[in-house]
Amino acid sequence: MQNDVLPRQWKPLDSNIPANLIDRRIFFHETSGKADLNLQQCCAVESAAKHNHDRLVQLFLRPRTTAGCSVGSESSSPFPSTSTFYSPPWLEVLSQYPNVAAVLVNEDHYFAGSPLQDWYEKGQWLKSPHQVAHLSDYIRILTLNKGGGLYLDTDILTLKAYQGDHFRNCLSYDSSDMGIISNGVMHLERGHWLTVQMMRLMAEEYDPSEMVFHGSQAVSFLMHSSCGIVQADPSSNTCKDIHLLSSNFFFLIERPFSDVLYDKLSNSTNAIGILSQIKRSYGVHLWNSEKANRQHPFLATDSDSILGALAQIHCPLTVAKASQFHP
């Protein structure tokens, strides 16, 4: 990435990336159609790149105009204008990391020839109130199937390097009760049978009114039906080519208690203890939502909060440009 290149000058992605690199890549999908990152999302991508400098980090963006788009075309620019250069703060930040690549996705081409092509072309998902979430659920599985790698949600802050065999062909529980297996953190190698089964299930069982079935619930269902997983018993997993991470790796802070991330360190010994526990994790899920963002803006510059203290360490360039991001 370079921060002084016009969008019309972006190069087509070289798909001939060596297998040993593509399988180790870390990737994110931003599917809102804004082709932009907010401060929290930029922090997530930066933290992954900062702690994993030996791994390719790919940020897949949905262009503002998706129909028939081409990276080499002015009409497909994801930015407000190409007549004068527009350099958003996230691009300036991430261009400082040589292992990061931003990729504009031509969705028509991307889904073509895949088991999800019919789902995509029918367009029922475009009428869903959960359009952005559903596209995200579907395209992340397609990307895993196409090339493998480690998928992370754009609200996961990386705290350490993802090293070791436990980060290969892995899924993660999203809570300590081990009831649901998350689709927010997944590493699967290219063409893994689970991605094939996921695409088949998602193509056959689409429900535009259902918020979460196509994501974590679908992963949990297949791990139960194919691998014998019993709730709260990871040892019941009969699929030896997939291993399960405890919630302590990424989901130490569970959704109902996510407000604690905004607690002040100076006012609470409990907050200091929680921060100490989080530092032992590999990442922290920030449980992004519009409601949460309205109640608690991403206070990256507030070093007195748990989240602010983490951000200043793990995404320092994003924090330095915090005032330039849109609310």
C-alpha atoms as a PDB file:
ATOM      1  CA  MET A   1       0.000   0.000   0.000  1.00  0.00           C
ATOM      2  CA  GLN A   2       1.003   3.565  -0.690  1.00  0.00           C
ATOM      3  CA  ASN A   3      -0.825   6.598   0.642  1.00  0.00           C
ATOM      4  CA  ASP A   4      -0.061   8.812  -2.356  1.00  0.00           C
ATOM      5  CA  VAL A   5      -1.577   6.669  -5.124  1.00  0.00           C
ATOM      6  CA  LEU A   6      -4.873   7.648  -6.732  1.00  0.00           C
ATOM      7  CA  PRO A   7      -7.583   4.954  -6.542  1.00  0.00           C
ATOM      8  CA  ARG A   8      -7.574   4.706 -10.354  1.00  0.00           C
ATOM      9  CA  GLN A   9      -3.915   3.751 -10.123  1.00  0.00           C
ATOM     10  CA  TRP A  10      -4.472   0.837  -7.764  1.00  0.00           C
ATOM     11  CA  LYS A  11      -3.090  -2.346  -9.274  1.00  0.00           C
ATOM     12  CA  PRO A  12      -5.050  -5.570  -9.864  1.00  0.00           C
ATOM     13  CA  LEU A  13      -4.397  -8.085  -7.093  1.00  0.00           C
ATOM     14  CA  ASP A  14      -1.715 -10.625  -7.948  1.00  0.00           C
ATOM     15  CA  SER A  15      -3.500 -13.875  -7.137  1.00  0.00           C
ATOM     16  CA  ASN A  16      -0.294 -15.880  -7.578  1.00  0.00           C
ATOM     17  CA  ILE A  17       0.723 -15.426  -3.970  1.00  0.00           C
ATOM     18  CA  PRO A  18       2.855 -18.359  -2.747  1.00  0.00           C
ATOM     19  CA  ALA A  19       0.768 -20.950  -0.904  1.00  0.00           C
ATOM     20  CA  ASN A  20       2.874 -20.694   2.232  1.00  0.00           C
ATOM     21  CA  LEU A  21       2.085 -16.964   2.446  1.00  0.00           C
ATOM     22  CA  ILE A  22      -1.599 -17.088   1.542  1.00  0.00           C
ATOM     23  CA  ASP A  23      -2.304 -19.819   4.108  1.00  0.00           C
ATOM     24  CA  ARG A  24      -0.629 -17.689   6.785  1.00  0.00           C
ATOM     25  CA  ARG A  25      -2.349 -14.470   5.778  1.00  0.00           C
ATOM     26  CA  ILE A  26      -4.599 -12.557   8.134  1.00  0.00           C
ATOM     27  CA  PHE A  27      -7.601 -10.969   6.454  1.00  0.00           C
ATOM     28  CA  PHE A  28     -10.506  -8.667   7.206  1.00  0.00           C
ATOM     29  CA  HIS A  29     -13.674  -7.827   5.254  1.00  0.00           C
ATOM     30  CA  GLU A  30     -15.318  -4.394   5.397  1.00  0.00           C
ATOM     31  CA  THR A  31     -18.741  -4.861   3.779  1.00  0.00           C
ATOM     32  CA  SER A  32     -20.647  -1.656   4.564  1.00  0.00           C
ATOM     33  CA  GLY A  33     -20.083  -0.274   1.065  1.00  0.00           C
ATOM     34  CA  LYS A  34     -18.442   2.869   2.420  1.00  0.00           C
ATOM     35  CA  ALA A  35     -14.960   1.671   1.406  1.00  0.00           C
ATOM     36  CA  ASP A  36     -13.783   3.422   4.524  1.00  0.00           C
ATOM     37  CA  LEU A  37     -12.626   2.454   7.990  1.00  0.00           C
ATOM     38  CA  ASN A  38     -13.584   4.071  11.233  1.00  0.00           C
ATOM     39  CA  LEU A  39     -11.060   4.523  14.009  1.00  0.00           C
ATOM     40  CA  GLN A  40     -11.869   1.222  15.707  1.00  0.00           C
ATOM     41  CA  GLN A  41     -11.578  -0.760  12.464  1.00  0.00           C
ATOM     42  CA  CYS A  42      -8.292   0.870  11.560  1.00  0.00           C
ATOM     43  CA  CYS A  43      -7.004   0.058  15.028  1.00  0.00           C
ATOM     44  CA  ALA A  44      -7.943  -3.600  14.541  1.00  0.00           C
ATOM     45  CA  VAL A  45      -6.104  -3.892  11.216  1.00  0.00           C
ATOM     46  CA  GLU A  46      -3.072  -1.969  12.455  1.00  0.00           C
ATOM     47  CA  SER A  47      -2.750  -4.131  15.560  1.00  0.00           C
ATOM     48  CA  ALA A  48      -2.812  -7.315  13.469  1.00  0.00           C
ATOM     49  CA  ALA A  49      -0.110  -5.936  11.164  1.00  0.00           C
ATOM     50  CA  LYS A  50       2.003  -4.564  14.000  1.00  0.00           C
ATOM     51  CA  HIS A  51       2.194  -7.864  15.868  1.00  0.00           C
ATOM     52  CA  ASN A  52       2.465 -10.105  12.793  1.00  0.00           C
ATOM     53  CA  HIS A  53       5.014  -8.333  10.594  1.00  0.00           C
ATOM     54  CA  ASP A  54       5.990 -11.633   8.946  1.00  0.00           C
ATOM     55  CA  ARG A  55       2.441 -12.327   7.750  1.00  0.00           C
ATOM     56  CA  LEU A  56       0.462 -10.797   4.901  1.00  0.00           C
ATOM     57  CA  VAL A  57      -2.503  -8.776   6.180  1.00  0.00           C
ATOM     58  CA  GLN A  58      -5.271  -8.231   3.614  1.00  0.00           C
ATOM     59  CA  LEU A  59      -8.101  -5.736   4.025  1.00  0.00           C
ATOM     60  CA  PHE A  60     -10.929  -6.505   1.584  1.00  0.00           C
ATOM     61  CA  LEU A  61     -13.119  -3.489   0.867  1.00  0.00           C
ATOM     62  CA  ARG A  62     -16.486  -3.271  -0.829  1.00  0.00           C
ATOM     63  CA  PRO A  63     -16.321  -0.353  -3.291  1.00  0.00           C
ATOM     64  CA  ARG A  64     -18.942   2.373  -3.187  1.00  0.00           C
ATOM     65  CA  THR A  65     -20.110   1.243  -6.638  1.00  0.00           C
ATOM     66  CA  THR A  66     -19.999  -2.535  -6.891  1.00  0.00           C
ATOM     67  CA  ALA A  67     -21.781  -3.265 -10.156  1.00  0.00           C
ATOM     68  CA  GLY A  68     -19.240  -4.017 -12.853  1.00  0.00           C
ATOM     69  CA  CYS A  69     -16.498  -2.296 -10.911  1.00  0.00           C
ATOM     70  CA  SER A  70     -12.903  -2.458 -11.923  1.00  0.00           C
ATOM     71  CA  VAL A  71      -9.976  -1.369  -9.824  1.00  0.00           C
ATOM     72  CA  GLY A  72      -8.494   0.341 -12.831  1.00  0.00           C
ATOM     73  CA  SER A  73     -11.614   2.378 -13.522  1.00  0.00           C
ATOM     74  CA  GLU A  74     -12.292   5.910 -12.305  1.00  0.00           C
ATOM     75  CA  SER A  75     -15.992   5.085 -12.002  1.00  0.00           C
ATOM     76  CA  SER A  76     -15.217   2.385  -9.458  1.00  0.00           C
ATOM     77  CA  SER A  77     -13.312   4.648  -7.109  1.00  0.00           C
ATOM     78  CA  PRO A  78     -14.174   3.931  -3.484  1.00  0.00           C
ATOM     79  CA  PHE A  79     -13.360   7.494  -2.484  1.00  0.00           C
ATOM     80  CA  PRO A  80     -15.353  10.727  -2.818  1.00  0.00           C
ATOM     81  CA  SER A  81     -13.246  12.070  -5.679  1.00  0.00           C
ATOM     82  CA  THR A  82     -10.354  11.035  -7.909  1.00  0.00           C
ATOM     83  CA  SER A  83      -9.843  14.438  -9.492  1.00  0.00           C
ATOM     84  CA  THR A  84      -7.931  15.528  -6.409  1.00  0.00           C
ATOM     85  CA  PHE A  85      -6.247  13.012  -4.187  1.00  0.00           C
ATOM     86  CA  TYR A  86      -8.171  11.986  -1.123  1.00  0.00           C
ATOM     87  CA  SER A  87      -6.090  10.299   1.560  1.00  0.00           C
ATOM     88  CA  PRO A  88      -8.256   9.041   4.415  1.00  0.00           C
ATOM     89  CA  PRO A  89      -6.538   8.602   7.772  1.00  0.00           C
ATOM     90  CA  TRP A  90      -6.830   4.802   7.699  1.00  0.00           C
ATOM     91  CA  LEU A  91      -4.936   4.697   4.402  1.00  0.00           C
ATOM     92  CA  GLU A  92      -2.193   6.918   5.787  1.00  0.00           C
ATOM     93  CA  VAL A  93      -1.892   4.688   8.854  1.00  0.00           C
ATOM     94  CA  LEU A  94      -1.938   1.300   7.156  1.00  0.00           C
ATOM     95  CA  SER A  95       0.413   2.364   4.361  1.00  0.00           C
ATOM     96  CA  GLN A  96       3.113   2.536   7.032  1.00  0.00           C
ATOM     97  CA  TYR A  97       2.987  -1.260   7.339  1.00  0.00           C
ATOM     98  CA  PRO A  98       4.616  -3.051   4.380  1.00  0.00           C
ATOM     99  CA  ASN A  99       2.738  -6.282   5.134  1.00  0.00           C
ATOM    100  CA  VAL A 100      -0.721  -4.719   4.613  1.00  0.00           C
ATOM    101  CA  ALA A 101      -2.618  -4.804   1.317  1.00  0.00           C
ATOM    102  CA  ALA A 102      -5.990  -3.132   0.709  1.00  0.00           C
ATOM    103  CA  VAL A 103      -8.092  -4.945  -1.891  1.00  0.00           C
ATOM    104  CA  LEU A 104     -11.197  -3.614  -3.659  1.00  0.00           C
ATOM    105  CA  VAL A 105     -13.489  -6.568  -4.327  1.00  0.00           C
ATOM    106  CA  ASN A 106     -15.406  -6.945  -7.585  1.00  0.00           C
ATOM    107  CA  GLU A 107     -18.234  -8.918  -6.016  1.00  0.00           C
ATOM    108  CA  ASP A 108     -19.744 -10.065  -9.327  1.00  0.00           C
ATOM    109  CA  HIS A 109     -16.470 -11.728 -10.268  1.00  0.00           C
ATOM    110  CA  TYR A 110     -15.688 -12.870  -6.747  1.00  0.00           C
ATOM    111  CA  PHE A 111     -18.869 -14.927  -6.304  1.00  0.00           C
ATOM    112  CA  ALA A 112     -18.958 -16.165  -9.910  1.00  0.00           C
ATOM    113  CA  GLY A 113     -18.434 -19.912 -10.223  1.00  0.00           C
ATOM    114  CA  SER A 114     -18.734 -20.507  -6.478  1.00  0.00           C
ATOM    115  CA  PRO A 115     -21.463 -22.415  -4.608  1.00  0.00           C
ATOM    116  CA  LEU A 116     -22.663 -19.008  -3.382  1.00  0.00           C
ATOM    117  CA  GLN A 117     -23.095 -17.484  -6.854  1.00  0.00           C
ATOM    118  CA  ASP A 118     -26.823 -18.208  -7.009  1.00  0.00           C
ATOM    119  CA  TRP A 119     -27.353 -16.748  -3.519  1.00  0.00           C
ATOM    120  CA  TYR A 120     -25.466 -13.610  -4.511  1.00  0.00           C
ATOM    121  CA  GLU A 121     -27.126 -13.121  -7.913  1.00  0.00           C
ATOM    122  CA  LYS A 122     -30.694 -13.673  -6.691  1.00  0.00           C
ATOM    123  CA  GLY A 123     -30.160 -10.609  -4.526  1.00  0.00           C
ATOM    124  CA  GLN A 124     -32.590 -11.555  -1.790  1.00  0.00           C
ATOM    125  CA  TRP A 125     -29.916 -10.533   0.695  1.00  0.00           C
ATOM    126  CA  LEU A 126     -30.030  -6.974  -0.676  1.00  0.00           C
ATOM    127  CA  LYS A 127     -33.564  -6.614   0.718  1.00  0.00           C
ATOM    128  CA  SER A 128     -32.619  -7.916   4.156  1.00  0.00           C
ATOM    129  CA  PRO A 129     -32.407  -5.526   7.133  1.00  0.00           C
ATOM    130  CA  HIS A 130     -29.193  -7.441   7.895  1.00  0.00           C
ATOM    131  CA  GLN A 131     -27.676  -6.957   4.443  1.00  0.00           C
ATOM    132  CA  VAL A 132     -24.215  -5.857   5.613  1.00  0.00           C
ATOM    133  CA  ALA A 133     -23.939  -8.602   8.239  1.00  0.00           C
ATOM    134  CA  HIS A 134     -25.121 -11.292   5.832  1.00  0.00           C
ATOM    135  CA  LEU A 135     -22.696 -10.280   3.100  1.00  0.00           C
ATOM    136  CA  SER A 136     -19.940 -10.335   5.696  1.00  0.00           C
ATOM    137  CA  ASP A 137     -20.928 -13.831   6.884  1.00  0.00           C
ATOM    138  CA  TYR A 138     -20.996 -15.195   3.332  1.00  0.00           C
ATOM    139  CA  ILE A 139     -17.953 -13.537   1.823  1.00  0.00           C
ATOM    140  CA  ARG A 140     -15.612 -14.460   4.697  1.00  0.00           C
ATOM    141  CA  ILE A 141     -16.388 -18.164   4.167  1.00  0.00           C
ATOM    142  CA  LEU A 142     -15.884 -17.778   0.429  1.00  0.00           C
ATOM    143  CA  THR A 143     -12.500 -16.123   1.007  1.00  0.00           C
ATOM    144  CA  LEU A 144     -11.458 -18.889   3.389  1.00  0.00           C
ATOM    145  CA  ASN A 145     -12.428 -21.470   0.784  1.00  0.00           C
ATOM    146  CA  LYS A 146     -10.627 -19.656  -2.014  1.00  0.00           C
ATOM    147  CA  GLY A 147      -7.324 -19.114  -0.264  1.00  0.00           C
ATOM    148  CA  GLY A 148      -7.409 -20.039   3.403  1.00  0.00           C
ATOM    149  CA  GLY A 149      -5.866 -17.950   6.163  1.00  0.00           C
ATOM    150  CA  LEU A 150      -6.904 -16.386   9.459  1.00  0.00           C
ATOM    151  CA  TYR A 151     -10.104 -14.350   9.320  1.00  0.00           C
ATOM    152  CA  LEU A 152     -10.669 -11.699  12.001  1.00  0.00           C
ATOM    153  CA  ASP A 153     -13.639  -9.413  12.573  1.00  0.00           C
ATOM    154  CA  THR A 154     -12.842  -5.713  12.226  1.00  0.00           C
ATOM    155  CA  ASP A 155     -13.593  -5.202  15.917  1.00  0.00           C
ATOM    156  CA  ILE A 156     -10.906  -7.573  17.187  1.00  0.00           C
ATOM    157  CA  LEU A 157      -7.871  -5.878  18.643  1.00  0.00           C
ATOM    158  CA  THR A 158      -4.742  -8.019  18.308  1.00  0.00           C
ATOM    159  CA  LEU A 159      -2.494  -8.114  21.368  1.00  0.00           C
ATOM    160  CA  LYS A 160       0.147 -10.689  20.390  1.00  0.00           C
ATOM    161  CA  ALA A 161       1.613 -12.511  17.398  1.00  0.00           C
ATOM    162  CA  TYR A 162      -0.439 -15.475  16.209  1.00  0.00           C
ATOM    163  CA  GLN A 163       2.274 -18.099  16.435  1.00  0.00           C
ATOM    164  CA  GLY A 164       1.990 -21.820  17.055  1.00  0.00           C
ATOM    165  CA  ASP A 165       0.033 -24.772  15.694  1.00  0.00           C
ATOM    166  CA  HIS A 166      -3.035 -23.816  17.734  1.00  0.00           C
ATOM    167  CA  PHE A 167      -3.665 -20.992  15.215  1.00  0.00           C
ATOM    168  CA  ARG A 168      -3.914 -23.399  12.281  1.00  0.00           C
ATOM    169  CA  ASN A 169      -7.306 -24.862  11.309  1.00  0.00           C
ATOM    170  CA  CYS A 170      -8.863 -23.436  14.431  1.00  0.00           C
ATOM    171  CA  LEU A 171     -12.148 -22.005  15.635  1.00  0.00           C
ATOM    172  CA  SER A 172     -12.877 -20.224  18.896  1.00  0.00           C
ATOM    173  CA  TYR A 173     -15.611 -20.346  21.497  1.00  0.00           C
ATOM    174  CA  ASP A 174     -17.134 -16.911  22.081  1.00  0.00           C
ATOM    175  CA  SER A 175     -17.935 -17.332  25.777  1.00  0.00           C
ATOM    176  CA  SER A 176     -16.827 -19.277  28.817  1.00  0.00           C
ATOM    177  CA  ASP A 177     -19.948 -21.493  28.739  1.00  0.00           C
ATOM    178  CA  MET A 178     -18.675 -22.930  25.410  1.00  0.00           C
ATOM    179  CA  GLY A 179     -22.153 -22.894  23.905  1.00  0.00           C
ATOM    180  CA  ILE A 180     -21.435 -21.123  20.605  1.00  0.00           C
ATOM    181  CA  ILE A 181     -18.437 -21.342  18.290  1.00  0.00           C
ATOM    182  CA  SER A 182     -17.663 -17.935  16.820  1.00  0.00           C
ATOM    183  CA  ASN A 183     -17.284 -17.101  13.130  1.00  0.00           C
ATOM    184  CA  GLY A 184     -15.397 -13.930  14.111  1.00  0.00           C
ATOM    185  CA  VAL A 185     -12.050 -15.744  14.415  1.00  0.00           C
ATOM    186  CA  MET A 186     -11.364 -18.628  12.034  1.00  0.00           C
ATOM    187  CA  HIS A 187      -8.288 -20.159  10.475  1.00  0.00           C
ATOM    188  CA  LEU A 188      -8.905 -22.809   7.823  1.00  0.00           C
ATOM    189  CA  GLU A 189      -6.659 -23.923   5.005  1.00  0.00           C
ATOM    190  CA  ARG A 190      -7.691 -23.465   1.399  1.00  0.00           C
ATOM    191  CA  GLY A 191     -10.575 -25.712   0.345  1.00  0.00           C
ATOM    192  CA  HIS A 192     -11.103 -27.098   3.854  1.00  0.00           C
ATOM    193  CA  TRP A 193     -14.130 -29.386   4.054  1.00  0.00           C
ATOM    194  CA  LEU A 194     -15.773 -27.131   6.667  1.00  0.00           C
ATOM    195  CA  THR A 195     -15.825 -24.181   4.260  1.00  0.00           C
ATOM    196  CA  VAL A 196     -17.351 -26.431   1.590  1.00  0.00           C
ATOM    197  CA  GLN A 197     -20.079 -27.598   3.960  1.00  0.00           C
ATOM    198  CA  MET A 198     -20.633 -24.062   5.222  1.00  0.00           C
ATOM    199  CA  MET A 199     -21.189 -22.737   1.712  1.00  0.00           C
ATOM    200  CA  ARG A 200     -23.593 -25.575   0.924  1.00  0.00           C
ATOM    201  CA  LEU A 201     -25.606 -24.942   4.079  1.00  0.00           C
ATOM    202  CA  MET A 202     -25.640 -21.166   3.625  1.00  0.00           C
ATOM    203  CA  ALA A 203     -26.733 -21.462  -0.013  1.00  0.00           C
ATOM    204  CA  GLU A 204     -29.598 -23.814   0.842  1.00  0.00           C
ATOM    205  CA  GLU A 205     -30.842 -22.300   4.093  1.00  0.00           C
ATOM    206  CA  TYR A 206     -30.788 -18.537   3.592  1.00  0.00           C
ATOM    207  CA  ASP A 207     -33.272 -16.569   5.708  1.00  0.00           C
ATOM    208  CA  PRO A 208     -33.097 -12.779   5.157  1.00  0.00           C
ATOM    209  CA  SER A 209     -34.935 -12.111   8.422  1.00  0.00           C
ATOM    210  CA  GLU A 210     -32.542 -14.131  10.591  1.00  0.00           C
ATOM    211  CA  MET A 211     -29.639 -12.150  12.024  1.00  0.00           C
ATOM    212  CA  VAL A 212     -27.128 -14.728  13.239  1.00  0.00           C
ATOM    213  CA  PHE A 213     -27.981 -18.153  11.795  1.00  0.00           C
ATOM    214  CA  HIS A 214     -25.652 -17.751   8.825  1.00  0.00           C
ATOM    215  CA  GLY A 215     -22.700 -16.991  11.075  1.00  0.00           C
ATOM    216  CA  SER A 216     -21.788 -18.465  14.438  1.00  0.00           C
ATOM    217  CA  GLN A 217     -24.921 -20.594  14.673  1.00  0.00           C
ATOM    218  CA  ALA A 218     -24.174 -22.225  11.326  1.00  0.00           C
ATOM    219  CA  VAL A 219     -20.571 -22.963  12.363  1.00  0.00           C
ATOM    220  CA  SER A 220     -21.772 -24.410  15.671  1.00  0.00           C
ATOM    221  CA  PHE A 221     -24.442 -26.511  13.943  1.00  0.00           C
ATOM    222  CA  LEU A 222     -21.955 -28.060  11.505  1.00  0.00           C
ATOM    223  CA  MET A 223     -19.390 -28.726  14.220  1.00  0.00           C
ATOM    224  CA  HIS A 224     -22.120 -30.565  16.127  1.00  0.00           C
ATOM    225  CA  SER A 225     -23.492 -32.519  13.159  1.00  0.00           C
ATOM    226  CA  SER A 226     -20.133 -33.322  11.537  1.00  0.00           C
ATOM    227  CA  CYS A 227     -17.776 -33.506  14.507  1.00  0.00           C
ATOM    228  CA  GLY A 228     -20.028 -34.547  17.376  1.00  0.00           C
ATOM    229  CA  ILE A 229     -19.348 -31.412  19.400  1.00  0.00           C
ATOM    230  CA  VAL A 230     -21.375 -31.356  22.606  1.00  0.00           C
ATOM    231  CA  GLN A 231     -22.020 -28.031  24.302  1.00  0.00           C
ATOM    232  CA  ALA A 232     -19.440 -27.209  26.993  1.00  0.00           C
ATOM    233  CA  ASP A 233     -17.328 -30.252  26.081  1.00  0.00           C
ATOM    234  CA  PRO A 234     -14.556 -29.466  23.569  1.00  0.00           C
ATOM    235  CA  SER A 235     -13.130 -32.960  24.083  1.00  0.00           C
ATOM    236  CA  SER A 236     -16.194 -34.320  22.238  1.00  0.00           C
ATOM    237  CA  ASN A 237     -14.736 -32.984  18.983  1.00  0.00           C
ATOM    238  CA  THR A 238     -14.066 -35.953  16.681  1.00  0.00           C
ATOM    239  CA  CYS A 239     -12.650 -33.811  13.849  1.00  0.00           C
ATOM    240  CA  LYS A 240      -8.927 -33.908  14.485  1.00  0.00           C
ATOM    241  CA  ASP A 241      -8.204 -31.458  11.655  1.00  0.00           C
ATOM    242  CA  ILE A 242     -10.023 -28.673  13.526  1.00  0.00           C
ATOM    243  CA  HIS A 243      -9.152 -27.614  17.039  1.00  0.00           C
ATOM    244  CA  LEU A 244     -11.057 -25.299  19.311  1.00  0.00           C
ATOM    245  CA  LEU A 245      -9.643 -22.327  21.181  1.00  0.00           C
ATOM    246  CA  SER A 246     -11.049 -21.379  24.556  1.00  0.00           C
ATOM    247  CA  SER A 247     -12.776 -18.030  24.879  1.00  0.00           C
ATOM    248  CA  ASN A 248      -9.723 -16.744  26.762  1.00  0.00           C
ATOM    249  CA  PHE A 249      -7.850 -16.370  23.457  1.00  0.00           C
ATOM    250  CA  PHE A 250     -10.153 -13.642  22.066  1.00  0.00           C
ATOM    251  CA  PHE A 251     -13.413 -13.465  24.026  1.00  0.00           C
ATOM    252  CA  LEU A 252     -12.349 -12.989  27.628  1.00  0.00           C
ATOM    253  CA  ILE A 253     -14.709  -9.993  27.690  1.00  0.00           C
ATOM    254  CA  GLU A 254     -18.121 -11.358  26.754  1.00  0.00           C
ATOM    255  CA  ARG A 255     -20.831  -9.346  25.014  1.00  0.00           C
ATOM    256  CA  PRO A 256     -23.047  -8.652  28.068  1.00  0.00           C
ATOM    257  CA  PHE A 257     -20.056  -7.238  29.937  1.00  0.00           C
ATOM    258  CA  SER A 258     -18.388  -5.282  27.127  1.00  0.00           C
ATOM    259  CA  ASP A 259     -19.070  -1.945  28.859  1.00  0.00           C
ATOM    260  CA  VAL A 260     -16.214  -2.777  31.208  1.00  0.00           C
ATOM    261  CA  LEU A 261     -13.781  -1.896  28.403  1.00  0.00           C
ATOM    262  CA  TYR A 262     -14.633   1.763  29.036  1.00  0.00           C
ATOM    263  CA  ASP A 263     -14.026   1.660  32.790  1.00  0.00           C
ATOM    264  CA  LYS A 264     -11.521   4.168  34.152  1.00  0.00           C
ATOM    265  CA  LEU A 265      -8.288   2.696  35.464  1.00  0.00           C
ATOM    266  CA  SER A 266      -7.804   5.557  37.907  1.00  0.00           C
ATOM    267  CA  ASN A 267     -11.154   4.956  39.572  1.00  0.00           C
ATOM    268  CA  SER A 268     -11.165   1.191  39.917  1.00  0.00           C
ATOM    269  CA  THR A 269      -8.778  -1.467  41.121  1.00  0.00           C
ATOM    270  CA  ASN A 270     -11.159  -3.910  39.425  1.00  0.00           C
ATOM    271  CA  ALA A 271     -10.462  -2.257  36.059  1.00  0.00           C
ATOM    272  CA  ILE A 272      -6.711  -2.635  36.602  1.00  0.00           C
ATOM    273  CA  GLY A 273      -7.241  -6.338  37.333  1.00  0.00           C
ATOM    274  CA  ILE A 274      -9.343  -6.800  34.197  1.00  0.00           C
ATOM    275  CA  LEU A 275      -6.695  -5.079  32.083  1.00  0.00           C
ATOM    276  CA  SER A 276      -4.089  -7.441  33.514  1.00  0.00           C
ATOM    277  CA  GLN A 277      -6.226 -10.448  32.551  1.00  0.00           C
ATOM    278  CA  ILE A 278      -6.828  -9.114  29.027  1.00  0.00           C
ATOM    279  CA  LYS A 279      -3.084  -8.743  28.467  1.00  0.00           C
ATOM    280  CA  ARG A 280      -2.756 -12.517  28.732  1.00  0.00           C
ATOM    281  CA  SER A 281      -5.107 -12.976  25.758  1.00  0.00           C
ATOM    282  CA  TYR A 282      -4.088 -12.918  22.096  1.00  0.00           C
ATOM    283  CA  GLY A 283      -6.833 -10.503  21.163  1.00  0.00           C
ATOM    284  CA  VAL A 284      -9.895  -8.792  22.542  1.00  0.00           C
ATOM    285  CA  HIS A 285     -13.283  -8.654  20.856  1.00  0.00           C
ATOM    286  CA  LEU A 286     -14.747  -5.166  21.170  1.00  0.00           C
ATOM    287  CA  TRP A 287     -18.315  -6.273  20.356  1.00  0.00           C
ATOM    288  CA  ASN A 288     -18.917  -3.529  17.842  1.00  0.00           C
ATOM    289  CA  SER A 289     -22.484  -2.344  17.362  1.00  0.00           C
ATOM    290  CA  GLU A 290     -24.215   0.906  16.495  1.00  0.00           C
ATOM    291  CA  LYS A 291     -25.733   1.051  19.977  1.00  0.00           C
ATOM    292  CA  ALA A 292     -22.356   0.510  21.614  1.00  0.00           C
ATOM    293  CA  ASN A 293     -20.756   3.144  19.421  1.00  0.00           C
ATOM    294  CA  ARG A 294     -23.441   5.672  20.315  1.00  0.00           C
ATOM    295  CA  GLN A 295     -23.059   4.991  24.017  1.00  0.00           C
ATOM    296  CA  HIS A 296     -19.280   4.664  24.021  1.00  0.00           C
ATOM    297  CA  PRO A 297     -17.353   6.294  21.168  1.00  0.00           C
ATOM    298  CA  PHE A 298     -14.024   4.557  20.598  1.00  0.00           C
ATOM    299  CA  LEU A 299     -11.991   6.596  23.071  1.00  0.00           C
ATOM    300  CA  ALA A 300      -8.558   5.685  21.755  1.00  0.00           C
ATOM    301  CA  THR A 301      -7.012   8.836  23.172  1.00  0.00           C
ATOM    302  CA  ASP A 302      -8.379   8.209  26.653  1.00  0.00           C
ATOM    303  CA  SER A 303      -5.467   6.283  28.139  1.00  0.00           C
ATOM    304  CA  ASP A 304      -7.276   6.114  31.471  1.00  0.00           C
ATOM    305  CA  SER A 305      -9.820   3.618  30.119  1.00  0.00           C
ATOM    306  CA  ILE A 306      -9.068  -0.078  29.593  1.00  0.00           C
ATOM    307  CA  LEU A 307      -9.708   0.217  25.857  1.00  0.00           C
ATOM    308  CA  GLY A 308      -7.758   3.443  25.491  1.00  0.00           C
ATOM    309  CA  ALA A 309      -4.744   1.993  27.297  1.00  0.00           C
ATOM    310  CA  LEU A 310      -4.771  -1.024  24.989  1.00  0.00           C
ATOM    311  CA  ALA A 311      -5.193   1.080  21.848  1.00  0.00           C
ATOM    312  CA  GLN A 312      -2.232   3.316  22.612  1.00  0.00           C
ATOM    313  CA  ILE A 313       0.017   0.262  22.803  1.00  0.00           C
ATOM    314  CA  HIS A 314      -1.362  -1.888  20.005  1.00  0.00           C
ATOM    315  CA  CYS A 315      -2.445   0.645  17.349  1.00  0.00           C
ATOM    316  CA  PRO A 316      -0.301   3.731  18.093  1.00  0.00           C
ATOM    317  CA  LEU A 317      -0.439   5.224  14.594  1.00  0.00           C
ATOM    318  CA  THR A 318      -4.234   5.070  14.587  1.00  0.00           C
ATOM    319  CA  VAL A 319      -4.349   6.746  17.985  1.00  0.00           C
ATOM    320  CA  ALA A 320      -2.034   9.497  16.738  1.00  0.00           C
ATOM    321  CA  LYS A 321      -4.533  10.325  13.975  1.00  0.00           C
ATOM    322  CA  ALA A 322      -7.670   9.802  16.066  1.00  0.00           C
ATOM    323  CA  SER A 323      -8.922  13.362  15.530  1.00  0.00           C
ATOM    324  CA  GLN A 324      -8.933  12.879  11.741  1.00  0.00           C
ATOM    325  CA  PHE A 325     -11.412  10.007  11.728  1.00  0.00           C
ATOM    326  CA  HIS A 326     -15.099  10.603  11.186  1.00  0.00           C
ATOM    327  CA  PRO A 327     -17.275   9.952  14.265  1.00  0.00           C
END
